[in-house]
Amino acid sequence: TLSGERLHIHPGAHDLPPKQIAANDCATLLATCAADKSVALWDAVTFSVLRDFQGHDGPVRTVAFRPASNQLATAAEDQTVRLWDVESGNPLYTLFGHAGTVEDVAFSPDSRRLITTGSGAEGLRIWDVENWEPVLTLPTPIRTWLLLTTLGPIWKIAPPPVIENETSVELPSSTVS
């Protein structure tokens, strides 16, 4: 298990400092990403690099493990989200649709949805992981990540929030599963 030890980056893992780190469900694997377009998979016990994932054409901003699976999602400034098989390192899917940098990705706790946020006009997308099609797209301000961070993950599909200005958001009173 992780015990607050400092993670020393292997010299070959990234050419630039990591932007983000994520752990899988049982904290046996870690993933890191960096602005040098790299993604690395680590053994969380030995802190050794197991593999790297190549494919993004821009700095990688975020990584997230899909719960109860061997899949990893990465997002980058190349406007794509990529899904990877953790065991083989092979790419599974590339998701397009954001008009700008994809800032963040997160899986729903039941692993049936993937939420992505970006800096373009379609700032928030929720994807169905069965067919990798968007089930909800919201035109949101650049500060979508602030909304999600402040409110926590919203996993019930609801009518779009009313955004009065960049600091005030009114959420609908009812949600639909």
C-alpha atoms as a PDB file:
ATOM      1  CA  THR A   1       0.000   0.000   0.000  1.00  0.00           C
ATOM      2  CA  LEU A   2       1.002   3.604  -0.410  1.00  0.00           C
ATOM      3  CA  SER A   3       2.223   5.106   2.831  1.00  0.00           C
ATOM      4  CA  GLY A   4       3.111   8.667   1.955  1.00  0.00           C
ATOM      5  CA  GLU A   5       6.555   7.748   0.656  1.00  0.00           C
ATOM      6  CA  ARG A   6       8.076  10.127  -1.844  1.00  0.00           C
ATOM      7  CA  LEU A   7       7.898   8.884  -5.427  1.00  0.00           C
ATOM      8  CA  HIS A   8      11.228   9.358  -7.157  1.00  0.00           C
ATOM      9  CA  ILE A   9      10.750   9.553 -10.898  1.00  0.00           C
ATOM     10  CA  HIS A  10      12.774   7.020 -12.842  1.00  0.00           C
ATOM     11  CA  PRO A  11      15.214   8.833 -15.161  1.00  0.00           C
ATOM     12  CA  GLY A  12      13.639   7.305 -18.282  1.00  0.00           C
ATOM     13  CA  ALA A  13       9.972   7.747 -17.384  1.00  0.00           C
ATOM     14  CA  HIS A  14       9.475  11.425 -18.288  1.00  0.00           C
ATOM     15  CA  ASP A  15      11.638  14.177 -19.719  1.00  0.00           C
ATOM     16  CA  LEU A  16       9.610  16.780 -17.817  1.00  0.00           C
ATOM     17  CA  PRO A  17       8.087  16.707 -14.305  1.00  0.00           C
ATOM     18  CA  PRO A  18       4.833  14.717 -14.029  1.00  0.00           C
ATOM     19  CA  LYS A  19       1.604  16.742 -14.225  1.00  0.00           C
ATOM     20  CA  GLN A  20      -0.585  14.174 -12.482  1.00  0.00           C
ATOM     21  CA  ILE A  21      -0.506  10.800 -10.753  1.00  0.00           C
ATOM     22  CA  ALA A  22      -3.314   8.251 -10.351  1.00  0.00           C
ATOM     23  CA  ALA A  23      -3.564   4.912  -8.544  1.00  0.00           C
ATOM     24  CA  ASN A  24      -5.632   1.884  -9.525  1.00  0.00           C
ATOM     25  CA  ASP A  25      -8.345   0.475  -7.224  1.00  0.00           C
ATOM     26  CA  CYS A  26      -6.029  -1.631  -5.085  1.00  0.00           C
ATOM     27  CA  ALA A  27      -3.131   0.854  -5.174  1.00  0.00           C
ATOM     28  CA  THR A  28      -0.766  -1.643  -6.776  1.00  0.00           C
ATOM     29  CA  LEU A  29      -0.266   0.422  -9.936  1.00  0.00           C
ATOM     30  CA  LEU A  30       0.372   4.102 -10.488  1.00  0.00           C
ATOM     31  CA  ALA A  31       0.148   6.113 -13.698  1.00  0.00           C
ATOM     32  CA  THR A  32       1.849   9.436 -14.323  1.00  0.00           C
ATOM     33  CA  CYS A  33       1.687  11.865 -17.221  1.00  0.00           C
ATOM     34  CA  ALA A  34       3.773  14.809 -18.344  1.00  0.00           C
ATOM     35  CA  ALA A  35       3.940  17.713 -20.773  1.00  0.00           C
ATOM     36  CA  ASP A  36       6.493  15.773 -22.845  1.00  0.00           C
ATOM     37  CA  LYS A  37       3.535  13.727 -24.261  1.00  0.00           C
ATOM     38  CA  SER A  38       4.460  10.747 -22.073  1.00  0.00           C
ATOM     39  CA  VAL A  39       2.435   8.424 -19.835  1.00  0.00           C
ATOM     40  CA  ALA A  40       4.136   5.896 -17.557  1.00  0.00           C
ATOM     41  CA  LEU A  41       2.817   2.911 -15.605  1.00  0.00           C
ATOM     42  CA  TRP A  42       4.538   2.152 -12.296  1.00  0.00           C
ATOM     43  CA  ASP A  43       4.617  -0.699  -9.816  1.00  0.00           C
ATOM     44  CA  ALA A  44       3.413   0.998  -6.619  1.00  0.00           C
ATOM     45  CA  VAL A  45       5.437  -1.315  -4.377  1.00  0.00           C
ATOM     46  CA  THR A  46       8.850  -1.143  -6.061  1.00  0.00           C
ATOM     47  CA  PHE A  47       8.316   2.214  -7.831  1.00  0.00           C
ATOM     48  CA  SER A  48       9.740   0.719 -11.004  1.00  0.00           C
ATOM     49  CA  VAL A  49       8.436   1.692 -14.428  1.00  0.00           C
ATOM     50  CA  LEU A  50       6.475  -1.161 -16.020  1.00  0.00           C
ATOM     51  CA  ARG A  51       5.706   0.452 -19.395  1.00  0.00           C
ATOM     52  CA  ASP A  52       5.016   3.653 -21.180  1.00  0.00           C
ATOM     53  CA  PHE A  53       2.129   4.624 -23.419  1.00  0.00           C
ATOM     54  CA  GLN A  54       2.824   6.509 -26.649  1.00  0.00           C
ATOM     55  CA  GLY A  55       0.226   8.133 -28.870  1.00  0.00           C
ATOM     56  CA  HIS A  56      -0.690  11.661 -27.815  1.00  0.00           C
ATOM     57  CA  ASP A  57       0.423  14.502 -30.084  1.00  0.00           C
ATOM     58  CA  GLY A  58       0.415  17.085 -27.312  1.00  0.00           C
ATOM     59  CA  PRO A  59       1.245  17.446 -23.626  1.00  0.00           C
ATOM     60  CA  VAL A  60      -0.706  14.926 -21.533  1.00  0.00           C
ATOM     61  CA  ARG A  61      -2.759  16.646 -18.830  1.00  0.00           C
ATOM     62  CA  THR A  62      -4.421  13.868 -16.854  1.00  0.00           C
ATOM     63  CA  VAL A  63      -4.689  10.114 -16.216  1.00  0.00           C
ATOM     64  CA  ALA A  64      -7.392   7.958 -14.588  1.00  0.00           C
ATOM     65  CA  PHE A  65      -7.810   4.231 -14.029  1.00  0.00           C
ATOM     66  CA  ARG A  66     -11.166   2.695 -14.886  1.00  0.00           C
ATOM     67  CA  PRO A  67     -12.526   1.037 -11.721  1.00  0.00           C
ATOM     68  CA  ALA A  68     -12.459  -2.768 -11.591  1.00  0.00           C
ATOM     69  CA  SER A  69     -10.705  -3.087 -14.948  1.00  0.00           C
ATOM     70  CA  ASN A  70      -7.336  -3.018 -16.650  1.00  0.00           C
ATOM     71  CA  GLN A  71      -7.984   0.210 -18.510  1.00  0.00           C
ATOM     72  CA  LEU A  72      -6.398   3.626 -18.243  1.00  0.00           C
ATOM     73  CA  ALA A  73      -7.719   6.887 -19.668  1.00  0.00           C
ATOM     74  CA  THR A  74      -5.408   9.732 -20.653  1.00  0.00           C
ATOM     75  CA  ALA A  75      -6.236  13.199 -21.955  1.00  0.00           C
ATOM     76  CA  ALA A  76      -4.087  15.787 -23.638  1.00  0.00           C
ATOM     77  CA  GLU A  77      -3.753  19.122 -25.314  1.00  0.00           C
ATOM     78  CA  ASP A  78      -4.165  17.310 -28.677  1.00  0.00           C
ATOM     79  CA  GLN A  79      -7.947  17.403 -28.002  1.00  0.00           C
ATOM     80  CA  THR A  80      -8.194  13.624 -27.507  1.00  0.00           C
ATOM     81  CA  VAL A  81      -8.931  11.131 -24.771  1.00  0.00           C
ATOM     82  CA  ARG A  82      -7.194   7.792 -25.179  1.00  0.00           C
ATOM     83  CA  LEU A  83      -8.094   4.495 -23.536  1.00  0.00           C
ATOM     84  CA  TRP A  84      -5.345   1.951 -22.986  1.00  0.00           C
ATOM     85  CA  ASP A  85      -5.083  -1.685 -21.967  1.00  0.00           C
ATOM     86  CA  VAL A  86      -2.862  -1.541 -18.883  1.00  0.00           C
ATOM     87  CA  GLU A  87      -1.548  -5.105 -19.220  1.00  0.00           C
ATOM     88  CA  SER A  88      -0.473  -4.939 -22.865  1.00  0.00           C
ATOM     89  CA  GLY A  89       0.020  -1.196 -23.241  1.00  0.00           C
ATOM     90  CA  ASN A  90      -2.058  -1.281 -26.425  1.00  0.00           C
ATOM     91  CA  PRO A  91      -4.411   1.561 -27.320  1.00  0.00           C
ATOM     92  CA  LEU A  92      -8.105   0.590 -27.196  1.00  0.00           C
ATOM     93  CA  TYR A  93      -9.964   3.747 -28.249  1.00  0.00           C
ATOM     94  CA  THR A  94      -9.337   7.367 -29.127  1.00  0.00           C
ATOM     95  CA  LEU A  95     -12.205   9.730 -28.298  1.00  0.00           C
ATOM     96  CA  PHE A  96     -12.614  12.923 -30.299  1.00  0.00           C
ATOM     97  CA  GLY A  97     -15.042  15.782 -29.829  1.00  0.00           C
ATOM     98  CA  HIS A  98     -13.429  18.416 -27.647  1.00  0.00           C
ATOM     99  CA  ALA A  99     -12.581  21.620 -29.486  1.00  0.00           C
ATOM    100  CA  GLY A 100      -9.649  22.397 -27.211  1.00  0.00           C
ATOM    101  CA  THR A 101      -7.375  20.885 -24.598  1.00  0.00           C
ATOM    102  CA  VAL A 102      -8.947  18.046 -22.621  1.00  0.00           C
ATOM    103  CA  GLU A 103      -8.278  19.094 -19.044  1.00  0.00           C
ATOM    104  CA  ASP A 104      -9.575  16.197 -16.964  1.00  0.00           C
ATOM    105  CA  VAL A 105     -11.052  12.692 -17.098  1.00  0.00           C
ATOM    106  CA  ALA A 106     -12.811  10.607 -14.454  1.00  0.00           C
ATOM    107  CA  PHE A 107     -14.763   7.356 -14.481  1.00  0.00           C
ATOM    108  CA  SER A 108     -18.037   6.937 -12.649  1.00  0.00           C
ATOM    109  CA  PRO A 109     -17.800   4.667  -9.594  1.00  0.00           C
ATOM    110  CA  ASP A 110     -19.776   1.952 -11.453  1.00  0.00           C
ATOM    111  CA  SER A 111     -17.369   2.265 -14.397  1.00  0.00           C
ATOM    112  CA  ARG A 112     -20.222   2.782 -16.908  1.00  0.00           C
ATOM    113  CA  ARG A 113     -19.489   6.423 -17.733  1.00  0.00           C
ATOM    114  CA  LEU A 114     -16.456   8.554 -18.443  1.00  0.00           C
ATOM    115  CA  ILE A 115     -16.618  12.296 -17.871  1.00  0.00           C
ATOM    116  CA  THR A 116     -14.232  14.590 -19.706  1.00  0.00           C
ATOM    117  CA  THR A 117     -13.778  18.328 -19.359  1.00  0.00           C
ATOM    118  CA  GLY A 118     -12.077  20.626 -21.775  1.00  0.00           C
ATOM    119  CA  SER A 119     -11.300  24.202 -22.615  1.00  0.00           C
ATOM    120  CA  GLY A 120     -13.317  24.336 -25.851  1.00  0.00           C
ATOM    121  CA  ALA A 121     -16.955  25.229 -26.488  1.00  0.00           C
ATOM    122  CA  GLU A 122     -18.164  21.732 -25.540  1.00  0.00           C
ATOM    123  CA  GLY A 123     -16.460  21.833 -22.191  1.00  0.00           C
ATOM    124  CA  LEU A 124     -18.053  18.804 -20.540  1.00  0.00           C
ATOM    125  CA  ARG A 125     -18.865  15.413 -22.053  1.00  0.00           C
ATOM    126  CA  ILE A 126     -20.167  12.236 -20.467  1.00  0.00           C
ATOM    127  CA  TRP A 127     -19.396   9.107 -22.490  1.00  0.00           C
ATOM    128  CA  ASP A 128     -21.086   5.697 -22.387  1.00  0.00           C
ATOM    129  CA  VAL A 129     -18.259   3.182 -22.077  1.00  0.00           C
ATOM    130  CA  GLU A 130     -20.225   0.436 -23.858  1.00  0.00           C
ATOM    131  CA  ASN A 131     -20.044   2.184 -27.240  1.00  0.00           C
ATOM    132  CA  TRP A 132     -17.798   5.185 -26.419  1.00  0.00           C
ATOM    133  CA  GLU A 133     -20.445   7.633 -27.622  1.00  0.00           C
ATOM    134  CA  PRO A 134     -21.226  10.857 -25.748  1.00  0.00           C
ATOM    135  CA  VAL A 135     -24.513  10.712 -23.828  1.00  0.00           C
ATOM    136  CA  LEU A 136     -24.330  14.307 -22.633  1.00  0.00           C
ATOM    137  CA  THR A 137     -22.458  17.366 -23.899  1.00  0.00           C
ATOM    138  CA  LEU A 138     -22.645  20.670 -22.067  1.00  0.00           C
ATOM    139  CA  PRO A 139     -21.314  23.961 -23.345  1.00  0.00           C
ATOM    140  CA  THR A 140     -19.512  25.179 -20.279  1.00  0.00           C
ATOM    141  CA  PRO A 141     -16.965  27.836 -19.403  1.00  0.00           C
ATOM    142  CA  ILE A 142     -13.260  27.122 -19.306  1.00  0.00           C
ATOM    143  CA  ARG A 143     -13.498  26.708 -15.555  1.00  0.00           C
ATOM    144  CA  THR A 144     -15.486  23.450 -15.765  1.00  0.00           C
ATOM    145  CA  TRP A 145     -12.873  21.742 -13.596  1.00  0.00           C
ATOM    146  CA  LEU A 146     -13.548  24.261 -10.826  1.00  0.00           C
ATOM    147  CA  LEU A 147     -17.263  23.380 -10.863  1.00  0.00           C
ATOM    148  CA  LEU A 148     -16.490  19.657 -10.685  1.00  0.00           C
ATOM    149  CA  THR A 149     -13.872  20.100  -7.987  1.00  0.00           C
ATOM    150  CA  THR A 150     -16.158  22.282  -5.887  1.00  0.00           C
ATOM    151  CA  LEU A 151     -19.262  20.105  -6.168  1.00  0.00           C
ATOM    152  CA  GLY A 152     -17.599  16.697  -6.342  1.00  0.00           C
ATOM    153  CA  PRO A 153     -18.415  14.189  -9.051  1.00  0.00           C
ATOM    154  CA  ILE A 154     -21.957  14.452 -10.384  1.00  0.00           C
ATOM    155  CA  TRP A 155     -22.898  11.047 -11.752  1.00  0.00           C
ATOM    156  CA  LYS A 156     -26.634  11.440 -12.254  1.00  0.00           C
ATOM    157  CA  ILE A 157     -27.586  13.000 -15.532  1.00  0.00           C
ATOM    158  CA  ALA A 158     -29.371  16.239 -14.795  1.00  0.00           C
ATOM    159  CA  PRO A 159     -30.631  19.198 -16.787  1.00  0.00           C
ATOM    160  CA  PRO A 160     -27.747  21.581 -17.464  1.00  0.00           C
ATOM    161  CA  PRO A 161     -26.903  23.913 -14.611  1.00  0.00           C
ATOM    162  CA  VAL A 162     -27.696  27.592 -15.000  1.00  0.00           C
ATOM    163  CA  ILE A 163     -24.387  29.416 -15.059  1.00  0.00           C
ATOM    164  CA  GLU A 164     -25.064  33.011 -14.066  1.00  0.00           C
ATOM    165  CA  ASN A 165     -21.415  34.044 -14.035  1.00  0.00           C
ATOM    166  CA  GLU A 166     -18.084  32.375 -13.422  1.00  0.00           C
ATOM    167  CA  THR A 167     -18.621  32.225  -9.660  1.00  0.00           C
ATOM    168  CA  SER A 168     -22.325  31.396  -9.380  1.00  0.00           C
ATOM    169  CA  VAL A 169     -23.990  28.162 -10.501  1.00  0.00           C
ATOM    170  CA  GLU A 170     -27.582  27.144  -9.890  1.00  0.00           C
ATOM    171  CA  LEU A 171     -28.107  23.388 -10.043  1.00  0.00           C
ATOM    172  CA  PRO A 172     -31.457  21.878 -11.040  1.00  0.00           C
ATOM    173  CA  SER A 173     -33.468  20.486  -8.138  1.00  0.00           C
ATOM    174  CA  SER A 174     -34.245  17.115  -9.737  1.00  0.00           C
ATOM    175  CA  THR A 175     -32.007  14.553 -11.388  1.00  0.00           C
ATOM    176  CA  VAL A 176     -32.665  11.490 -13.471  1.00  0.00           C
ATOM    177  CA  SER A 177     -30.537   8.362 -13.165  1.00  0.00           C
END
